Amino acid sequence: MDYMTLFPGYTRGMARFAALASAVLQQVYDLQALVPSLKSGFSVGEALGVQLDALGNSVSVPRVFGWDDETYRSILLRKLRRNQWDGLNESSFDYADDGETFCENGDMTVTAATLLPVSAGDVLPVPMGVRAV
């Protein structure tokens, strides 16, 4: 929108007023161009790198060394989904991911843990010289 057209006609002919209004309105135009890009910086689904770290710190989940952006994003989304849980048993599995289990700690708190698939080679000892296929 051209905001200069909103000024009364007699002020448009004044050169100094038009220059001042143009300078102020240029800042408004720059801000209007910036606003759509702000959404991606505050969206867990779209943020990258340092922006994702800042979002993680705001929900008390700092990045652990070695986590790439996709892994960290999935952990943050899981944490945000749990924060929306109403605390009722009936709805607990609606907020759980596949492979998660809940553990009642005995002190009125519940811990959710992700169960990762474990192969037999990771658990059973393998004698020296025998290779797992």
Protein backbone atom coordinates (compact mmCIF):
# COMPACT_ATOMS: atom_id res chain seq x y z
CA MET A 1 0.00 0.00 0.00
CA ASP A 2 1.28 3.44 -0.84
CA TYR A 3 0.83 5.38 2.39
CA MET A 4 1.86 8.66 0.74
CA THR A 5 -1.57 8.78 -0.89
CA LEU A 6 -3.17 8.99 2.58
CA PHE A 7 -1.64 12.39 3.32
CA PRO A 8 -3.75 15.45 2.45
CA GLY A 9 -3.14 16.89 -0.99
CA TYR A 10 -1.67 20.18 0.19
CA THR A 11 1.20 18.36 2.06
CA ARG A 12 2.24 16.27 -0.95
CA GLY A 13 3.57 19.34 -2.74
CA MET A 14 5.91 20.26 0.15
CA ALA A 15 9.33 18.83 -0.69
CA ARG A 16 10.73 18.66 2.87
CA PHE A 17 7.55 17.07 4.22
CA ALA A 18 7.52 14.53 1.38
CA ALA A 19 11.19 13.65 2.04
CA LEU A 20 10.55 13.19 5.78
CA ALA A 21 7.43 11.13 5.18
CA SER A 22 9.25 8.97 2.62
CA ALA A 23 12.11 8.31 5.06
CA VAL A 24 9.71 7.29 7.84
CA LEU A 25 7.53 5.23 5.53
CA GLN A 26 10.59 3.42 4.12
CA GLN A 27 11.18 2.01 7.63
CA VAL A 28 7.56 0.82 7.71
CA TYR A 29 8.00 -0.87 4.32
CA ASP A 30 11.20 -2.56 5.52
CA LEU A 31 9.43 -3.87 8.62
CA GLN A 32 6.54 -5.17 6.53
CA ALA A 33 9.04 -7.08 4.39
CA LEU A 34 10.76 -8.49 7.51
CA VAL A 35 7.66 -9.78 9.33
CA PRO A 36 7.01 -12.87 7.12
CA SER A 37 10.58 -14.09 7.69
CA LEU A 38 10.20 -13.83 11.50
CA LYS A 39 7.75 -16.72 11.58
CA SER A 40 10.36 -19.22 10.42
CA GLY A 41 12.74 -18.13 13.17
CA PHE A 42 10.23 -18.90 15.92
CA SER A 43 8.79 -22.09 14.44
CA VAL A 44 10.30 -25.37 15.66
CA GLY A 45 9.37 -26.93 12.34
CA GLU A 46 11.29 -24.35 10.29
CA ALA A 47 14.11 -23.07 12.54
CA LEU A 48 17.70 -24.10 11.85
CA GLY A 49 20.94 -24.11 13.83
CA VAL A 50 21.25 -21.33 16.37
CA GLN A 51 17.53 -20.47 16.06
CA LEU A 52 16.66 -24.06 17.00
CA ASP A 53 19.08 -23.89 19.95
CA ALA A 54 17.37 -20.74 21.23
CA LEU A 55 13.94 -22.39 20.98
CA GLY A 56 15.28 -25.46 22.80
CA ASN A 57 16.67 -23.34 25.61
CA SER A 58 13.31 -21.60 25.98
CA VAL A 59 11.62 -24.97 26.70
CA SER A 60 14.54 -26.18 28.90
CA VAL A 61 15.91 -28.74 26.43
CA PRO A 62 19.47 -27.71 25.56
CA ARG A 63 21.10 -29.37 22.56
CA VAL A 64 23.41 -32.28 23.35
CA PHE A 65 26.66 -32.46 21.39
CA GLY A 66 26.18 -34.62 18.33
CA TRP A 67 22.47 -34.01 17.73
CA ASP A 68 21.76 -32.80 14.23
CA ASP A 69 18.89 -30.40 13.54
CA GLU A 70 16.36 -33.12 12.64
CA THR A 71 17.01 -35.16 15.79
CA TYR A 72 16.89 -32.06 17.98
CA ARG A 73 13.71 -30.87 16.25
CA SER A 74 11.95 -34.20 16.93
CA ILE A 75 12.96 -34.04 20.60
CA LEU A 76 11.66 -30.48 20.91
CA LEU A 77 8.37 -31.36 19.19
CA ARG A 78 7.95 -34.32 21.55
CA LYS A 79 8.57 -32.04 24.56
CA LEU A 80 6.08 -29.44 23.29
CA ARG A 81 3.47 -32.13 22.67
CA ARG A 82 3.90 -33.43 26.22
CA ASN A 83 3.47 -29.89 27.58
CA GLN A 84 -0.04 -29.87 26.06
CA TRP A 85 -1.10 -33.07 27.87
CA ASP A 86 -3.99 -32.59 30.32
CA GLY A 87 -2.62 -35.18 32.80
CA LEU A 88 -5.45 -37.69 32.45
CA ASN A 89 -4.72 -41.40 32.02
CA GLU A 90 -7.24 -41.70 29.21
CA SER A 91 -5.42 -39.21 27.02
CA SER A 92 -1.83 -40.16 27.90
CA PHE A 93 -1.33 -42.38 24.88
CA ASP A 94 -2.53 -39.64 22.54
CA TYR A 95 0.62 -37.70 23.47
CA ALA A 96 3.02 -40.65 23.40
CA ASP A 97 5.17 -41.54 20.43
CA ASP A 98 5.62 -45.02 19.05
CA GLY A 99 8.09 -46.95 21.17
CA GLU A 100 7.57 -44.84 24.28
CA THR A 101 6.73 -46.16 27.70
CA PHE A 102 5.64 -44.37 30.86
CA CYS A 103 7.15 -45.07 34.25
CA GLU A 104 5.50 -43.95 37.49
CA ASN A 105 8.33 -42.77 39.76
CA GLY A 106 6.50 -43.23 43.06
CA ASP A 107 6.72 -39.54 43.92
CA MET A 108 3.68 -38.34 41.96
CA THR A 109 5.75 -37.85 38.79
CA VAL A 110 5.77 -39.81 35.56
CA THR A 111 8.73 -40.26 33.24
CA ALA A 112 8.33 -41.05 29.55
CA ALA A 113 11.16 -43.00 27.97
CA THR A 114 11.76 -43.90 24.37
CA LEU A 115 12.54 -47.55 23.79
CA LEU A 116 15.06 -47.93 21.03
CA PRO A 117 15.32 -51.22 19.16
CA VAL A 118 18.28 -53.24 20.35
CA SER A 119 19.84 -56.00 18.31
CA ALA A 120 21.12 -59.19 19.92
CA GLY A 121 24.68 -58.23 19.02
CA ASP A 122 24.42 -55.15 21.21
CA VAL A 123 23.37 -57.15 24.27
CA LEU A 124 24.95 -60.60 24.06
CA PRO A 125 28.72 -60.95 24.36
CA VAL A 126 30.40 -62.09 21.18
CA PRO A 127 33.56 -64.22 21.49
CA MET A 128 36.73 -62.86 19.88
CA GLY A 129 37.09 -64.05 16.32
CA VAL A 130 33.33 -64.52 15.77
CA ARG A 131 31.72 -61.96 13.56
CA ALA A 132 28.06 -61.01 13.68
CA VAL A 133 26.41 -61.36 10.30
